[in-house]
Amino acid sequence: MSRRATLLLAALALSGCAEPADPADTVTEPDTVATDPEPEVVIEGADEILGEWVITEQPGAAPEDLYFVTLGRDGSYVVRNESGMTEHASFRLDGEQMIAVTDSAGTYQYAYEVDGDLLTLTVPGTEALIVMERRSANF
């Protein structure tokens, strides 16, 4: 064991032997319950698409890396790759079975369809698909 580690362990052992502080010297804070602030936007009516998804197909072919998409009740649309690189966007409902995703490059509209554990986003008027599978233990 290194000298530094030995000194650290000795200091920890000695601190356990110290006399406890006088309770009169201790300042106590009133008990508070931490709560998360309410989100500014709450997406209603889209429960079937909320949660974590894995992109299995995108326009042209399957992605080379795994991409994880999280759609949050607060309207967040977060894409993370296997390396941990994350991109943030937002989404909103934009009509019957339609969502609009907005990122720094602009807003994109998609028709969506849920079939079991598959979510398919389609660019209206095209055959361009993004297929996602609900994230499970397999990913």
Protein backbone atom coordinates (compact mmCIF):
# COMPACT_ATOMS: atom_id res chain seq x y z
CA MET A 1 0.00 0.00 0.00
CA SER A 2 1.36 3.42 -0.83
CA ARG A 3 2.36 5.89 1.85
CA ARG A 4 -0.39 8.26 0.69
CA ALA A 5 -3.09 5.58 1.01
CA THR A 6 -1.78 4.61 4.46
CA LEU A 7 -1.94 8.23 5.64
CA LEU A 8 -5.49 8.56 4.28
CA LEU A 9 -6.64 5.41 6.09
CA ALA A 10 -4.97 6.60 9.30
CA ALA A 11 -6.72 9.96 9.05
CA LEU A 12 -10.07 8.24 8.52
CA ALA A 13 -9.48 5.94 11.49
CA LEU A 14 -8.56 8.88 13.73
CA SER A 15 -11.61 10.85 12.68
CA GLY A 16 -13.78 7.98 13.90
CA CYS A 17 -12.20 8.32 17.38
CA ALA A 18 -12.82 12.04 17.70
CA GLU A 19 -15.37 13.20 20.23
CA PRO A 20 -18.76 14.07 18.75
CA ALA A 21 -19.59 17.74 18.41
CA ASP A 22 -21.68 19.35 21.10
CA PRO A 23 -25.31 19.29 19.88
CA ALA A 24 -25.70 22.90 21.01
CA ASP A 25 -23.02 23.89 18.48
CA THR A 26 -24.84 22.22 15.62
CA VAL A 27 -27.10 24.33 13.42
CA THR A 28 -30.05 22.43 12.05
CA GLU A 29 -31.98 23.39 8.98
CA PRO A 30 -35.75 22.96 8.91
CA ASP A 31 -36.87 19.83 7.10
CA THR A 32 -37.71 20.58 3.50
CA VAL A 33 -38.99 18.29 0.83
CA ALA A 34 -37.23 18.69 -2.49
CA THR A 35 -39.60 18.59 -5.41
CA ASP A 36 -38.90 18.80 -9.09
CA PRO A 37 -40.41 21.86 -10.70
CA GLU A 38 -43.39 21.22 -12.90
CA PRO A 39 -42.47 21.09 -16.57
CA GLU A 40 -43.54 24.10 -18.60
CA VAL A 41 -45.09 21.84 -21.24
CA VAL A 42 -46.89 18.61 -20.61
CA ILE A 43 -47.60 16.40 -23.60
CA GLU A 44 -51.07 14.90 -23.21
CA GLY A 45 -52.56 12.16 -25.39
CA ALA A 46 -49.26 10.67 -26.52
CA ASP A 47 -48.68 8.11 -23.77
CA GLU A 48 -48.09 5.36 -26.33
CA ILE A 49 -45.00 7.09 -27.73
CA LEU A 50 -43.47 8.30 -24.46
CA GLY A 51 -40.46 6.45 -23.12
CA GLU A 52 -37.21 5.01 -24.41
CA TRP A 53 -36.77 3.66 -27.93
CA VAL A 54 -33.91 2.24 -30.02
CA ILE A 55 -33.66 3.20 -33.70
CA THR A 56 -33.61 0.01 -35.76
CA GLU A 57 -34.13 1.52 -39.20
CA GLN A 58 -33.70 4.96 -40.67
CA PRO A 59 -34.00 6.25 -44.22
CA GLY A 60 -31.97 3.95 -46.42
CA ALA A 61 -30.77 1.30 -43.96
CA ALA A 62 -30.25 0.23 -40.38
CA PRO A 63 -28.01 2.59 -38.40
CA GLU A 64 -24.39 1.49 -37.95
CA ASP A 65 -24.41 2.48 -34.26
CA LEU A 66 -27.20 2.14 -31.72
CA TYR A 67 -29.17 5.32 -31.17
CA PHE A 68 -31.47 5.64 -28.17
CA VAL A 69 -34.38 8.08 -28.31
CA THR A 70 -36.25 9.24 -25.23
CA LEU A 71 -39.56 11.04 -25.62
CA GLY A 72 -40.52 12.75 -22.36
CA ARG A 73 -43.85 13.96 -21.04
CA ASP A 74 -42.29 17.43 -20.87
CA GLY A 75 -41.88 17.46 -24.66
CA SER A 76 -38.21 16.53 -24.65
CA TYR A 77 -36.84 14.49 -27.56
CA VAL A 78 -33.35 13.27 -26.62
CA VAL A 79 -31.15 11.19 -28.93
CA ARG A 80 -28.10 9.45 -27.44
CA ASN A 81 -25.63 7.18 -29.22
CA GLU A 82 -23.59 4.31 -27.76
CA SER A 83 -20.69 6.66 -27.02
CA GLY A 84 -22.93 8.86 -24.87
CA MET A 85 -23.10 11.78 -27.31
CA THR A 86 -26.47 13.43 -26.79
CA GLU A 87 -28.61 15.73 -28.91
CA HIS A 88 -31.58 17.56 -27.42
CA ALA A 89 -34.72 18.57 -29.26
CA SER A 90 -38.38 18.99 -28.38
CA PHE A 91 -41.56 17.54 -29.75
CA ARG A 92 -45.25 18.33 -29.69
CA LEU A 93 -48.39 16.73 -31.02
CA ASP A 94 -49.25 18.25 -34.39
CA GLY A 95 -52.58 16.70 -35.29
CA GLU A 96 -54.04 13.21 -35.38
CA GLN A 97 -51.14 10.70 -35.21
CA MET A 98 -48.68 13.51 -36.05
CA ILE A 99 -45.75 14.96 -34.14
CA ALA A 100 -43.43 17.87 -34.84
CA VAL A 101 -39.81 17.60 -33.70
CA THR A 102 -37.84 20.83 -33.33
CA ASP A 103 -34.06 21.00 -33.05
CA SER A 104 -31.45 23.64 -33.82
CA ALA A 105 -31.84 23.00 -37.58
CA GLY A 106 -35.62 23.47 -37.70
CA THR A 107 -38.93 21.67 -37.23
CA TYR A 108 -39.75 18.33 -38.85
CA GLN A 109 -43.21 16.78 -39.05
CA TYR A 110 -43.80 13.05 -38.84
CA ALA A 111 -46.83 10.82 -38.96
CA TYR A 112 -46.45 8.19 -36.28
CA GLU A 113 -47.81 4.70 -35.83
CA VAL A 114 -47.37 2.38 -32.87
CA ASP A 115 -47.63 -1.37 -33.43
CA GLY A 116 -46.84 -3.22 -30.24
CA ASP A 117 -43.24 -2.36 -29.34
CA LEU A 118 -42.55 -0.63 -32.67
CA LEU A 119 -42.85 3.09 -33.31
CA THR A 120 -42.70 4.19 -36.94
CA LEU A 121 -42.17 7.82 -37.90
CA THR A 122 -42.92 8.69 -41.53
CA VAL A 123 -42.25 11.93 -43.33
CA PRO A 124 -45.67 12.79 -44.84
CA GLY A 125 -45.80 12.32 -48.61
CA THR A 126 -42.67 10.16 -48.68
CA GLU A 127 -41.66 6.61 -47.95
CA ALA A 128 -38.87 7.75 -45.61
CA LEU A 129 -39.24 5.84 -42.35
CA ILE A 130 -37.61 5.88 -38.96
CA VAL A 131 -38.44 2.67 -37.12
CA MET A 132 -37.83 2.40 -33.39
CA GLU A 133 -38.25 -0.50 -31.00
CA ARG A 134 -39.23 0.10 -27.39
CA ARG A 135 -36.04 -0.22 -25.35
CA SER A 136 -35.83 -3.52 -23.52
CA ALA A 137 -33.21 -5.66 -21.84
CA ASN A 138 -31.89 -6.61 -25.29
CA PHE A 139 -30.41 -3.14 -25.78
